[in-house]
Amino acid sequence: AARALGWLAELSSRRQSIYDLRSLEDAVETALQMPEFTPLAAPVLAKFGSHRSQRALVGLASQEGYAVETRQAAVNAFCASVARFGVQLTTEEILRQYDQYNDSADRDVATQKILAFTLDCIESPTASVNSLEAERPK
């Protein structure tokens, strides 16, 4: 699985139109939910730039049941996707992110940072990932 995700990451990084890799979105999204594959799957989903891929990345980043590193990989990929393709989330999904952040006062600091970074990415879709580097959760 890791090797296949590596190949997908390589193919999705190339400028090519032979393969429509989005047909594999289901499989990559499934891999995203497995913490050992999240660091490989998240960047592939980011390169799809679809509503579905952005929703999956934000969804995983917002779930406290995952390790902080797993959630950071998802939010960083989401931000990269937004920087490249703009925000693909619906208004309702964006408002849900604001609600989650506003309700995070009693949560751990890492969760608050991840939720804040998600909103930063949504609010500055034209900003490059590098310009948000200082705000990226550690």
Protein backbone atom coordinates (compact mmCIF):
# COMPACT_ATOMS: atom_id res chain seq x y z
CA ALA A 1 0.00 0.00 0.00
CA ALA A 2 2.82 2.38 0.88
CA ARG A 3 4.54 1.67 -2.43
CA ALA A 4 1.32 2.29 -4.36
CA LEU A 5 0.76 5.59 -2.54
CA GLY A 6 4.34 6.56 -3.36
CA TRP A 7 3.68 5.90 -7.04
CA LEU A 8 0.48 7.91 -6.89
CA ALA A 9 2.33 10.77 -5.22
CA GLU A 10 4.92 10.68 -8.00
CA LEU A 11 2.33 10.51 -10.77
CA SER A 12 0.22 13.28 -9.24
CA SER A 13 3.27 15.54 -9.10
CA ARG A 14 3.87 15.28 -12.83
CA ARG A 15 2.18 17.31 -15.51
CA GLN A 16 0.41 14.60 -17.40
CA SER A 17 -3.04 14.02 -18.73
CA ILE A 18 -2.85 10.34 -19.56
CA TYR A 19 -4.18 9.12 -16.22
CA ASP A 20 -7.11 10.56 -14.33
CA LEU A 21 -5.88 9.75 -10.86
CA ARG A 22 -9.05 11.07 -9.28
CA SER A 23 -10.66 7.75 -10.19
CA LEU A 24 -8.57 6.41 -7.30
CA GLU A 25 -9.91 8.97 -4.84
CA ASP A 26 -11.88 6.31 -2.90
CA ALA A 27 -8.78 4.22 -2.30
CA VAL A 28 -6.61 7.19 -1.34
CA GLU A 29 -9.29 8.49 1.00
CA THR A 30 -9.44 5.07 2.68
CA ALA A 31 -5.66 5.12 3.09
CA LEU A 32 -5.89 8.61 4.61
CA GLN A 33 -7.91 7.15 7.50
CA MET A 34 -5.08 4.73 8.36
CA PRO A 35 -2.52 6.65 10.43
CA GLU A 36 0.44 4.73 9.02
CA PHE A 37 -0.54 5.85 5.50
CA THR A 38 -1.80 9.39 6.22
CA PRO A 39 1.56 11.08 5.48
CA LEU A 40 1.57 9.41 2.05
CA ALA A 41 -2.13 9.72 1.23
CA ALA A 42 -2.68 13.33 2.34
CA PRO A 43 -0.40 14.96 -0.27
CA VAL A 44 -1.97 12.84 -3.02
CA LEU A 45 -5.46 13.98 -2.00
CA ALA A 46 -4.20 17.57 -1.88
CA LYS A 47 -3.18 17.34 -5.52
CA PHE A 48 -6.66 16.21 -6.56
CA GLY A 49 -8.03 19.58 -5.46
CA SER A 50 -11.59 18.33 -5.37
CA HIS A 51 -14.35 19.15 -2.93
CA ARG A 52 -14.29 15.57 -1.73
CA SER A 53 -10.54 15.48 -1.13
CA GLN A 54 -10.54 18.79 0.74
CA ARG A 55 -13.50 17.66 2.85
CA ALA A 56 -11.68 14.41 3.72
CA LEU A 57 -8.51 16.27 4.72
CA VAL A 58 -10.38 18.78 6.89
CA GLY A 59 -12.47 16.01 8.39
CA LEU A 60 -9.44 14.03 9.49
CA ALA A 61 -7.64 17.11 10.78
CA SER A 62 -10.66 17.94 12.95
CA GLN A 63 -10.94 14.51 14.58
CA GLU A 64 -9.34 14.37 17.99
CA GLY A 65 -9.25 10.57 17.89
CA TYR A 66 -6.19 10.68 15.65
CA ALA A 67 -2.63 11.45 16.72
CA VAL A 68 -1.54 15.06 16.39
CA GLU A 69 1.03 14.14 13.70
CA THR A 70 -1.65 12.44 11.62
CA ARG A 71 -3.94 15.45 11.92
CA GLN A 72 -1.08 17.83 11.08
CA ALA A 73 -0.35 15.90 7.89
CA ALA A 74 -4.00 16.27 6.90
CA VAL A 75 -4.26 20.00 7.64
CA ASN A 76 -0.95 20.74 5.91
CA ALA A 77 -2.16 18.88 2.81
CA PHE A 78 -5.48 20.74 2.97
CA CYS A 79 -3.64 24.06 3.03
CA ALA A 80 -1.52 23.02 0.04
CA SER A 81 -4.68 22.08 -1.84
CA VAL A 82 -6.36 25.39 -1.03
CA ALA A 83 -3.26 27.32 -2.10
CA ARG A 84 -3.31 25.53 -5.46
CA PHE A 85 -7.03 25.10 -6.18
CA GLY A 86 -8.83 27.53 -3.88
CA VAL A 87 -11.36 26.54 -1.24
CA GLN A 88 -13.61 23.76 -2.50
CA LEU A 89 -15.61 23.39 0.71
CA THR A 90 -19.25 24.45 0.89
CA THR A 91 -20.35 27.40 3.00
CA GLU A 92 -21.90 24.97 5.47
CA GLU A 93 -18.64 23.03 5.79
CA ILE A 94 -16.69 26.25 6.34
CA LEU A 95 -19.14 27.39 9.00
CA ARG A 96 -18.74 24.01 10.70
CA GLN A 97 -14.99 24.66 10.87
CA TYR A 98 -15.62 28.00 12.58
CA ASP A 99 -17.99 26.30 15.03
CA GLN A 100 -15.40 23.63 15.84
CA TYR A 101 -12.76 26.28 16.45
CA ASN A 102 -15.09 28.37 18.61
CA ASP A 103 -15.95 25.28 20.67
CA SER A 104 -12.29 24.32 21.18
CA ALA A 105 -11.54 26.50 24.21
CA ASP A 106 -11.51 23.47 26.53
CA ARG A 107 -9.50 21.27 24.16
CA ASP A 108 -5.76 20.69 24.07
CA VAL A 109 -3.47 23.30 22.56
CA ALA A 110 -2.51 21.10 19.59
CA THR A 111 -6.17 20.76 18.60
CA GLN A 112 -6.69 24.50 18.91
CA LYS A 113 -3.67 25.15 16.68
CA ILE A 114 -4.82 22.66 14.05
CA LEU A 115 -8.31 24.15 13.97
CA ALA A 116 -6.89 27.70 13.81
CA PHE A 117 -4.54 26.74 11.00
CA THR A 118 -7.45 25.21 9.08
CA LEU A 119 -9.27 28.55 9.27
CA ASP A 120 -6.12 30.44 8.28
CA CYS A 121 -5.93 28.30 5.15
CA ILE A 122 -9.60 28.87 4.37
CA GLU A 123 -9.32 32.61 4.93
CA SER A 124 -6.22 33.08 2.79
CA PRO A 125 -6.67 30.80 -0.21
CA THR A 126 -4.31 32.85 -2.33
CA ALA A 127 -1.53 32.74 0.25
CA SER A 128 1.18 30.25 -0.47
CA VAL A 129 1.82 27.42 1.93
CA ASN A 130 5.25 28.92 2.62
CA SER A 131 3.78 32.23 3.76
CA LEU A 132 1.69 30.34 6.30
CA GLU A 133 4.67 28.27 7.48
CA ALA A 134 5.09 30.28 10.67
CA GLU A 135 1.50 29.55 11.62
CA ARG A 136 1.66 25.85 10.73
CA PRO A 137 1.04 23.70 13.82
CA LYS A 138 4.14 21.99 15.13
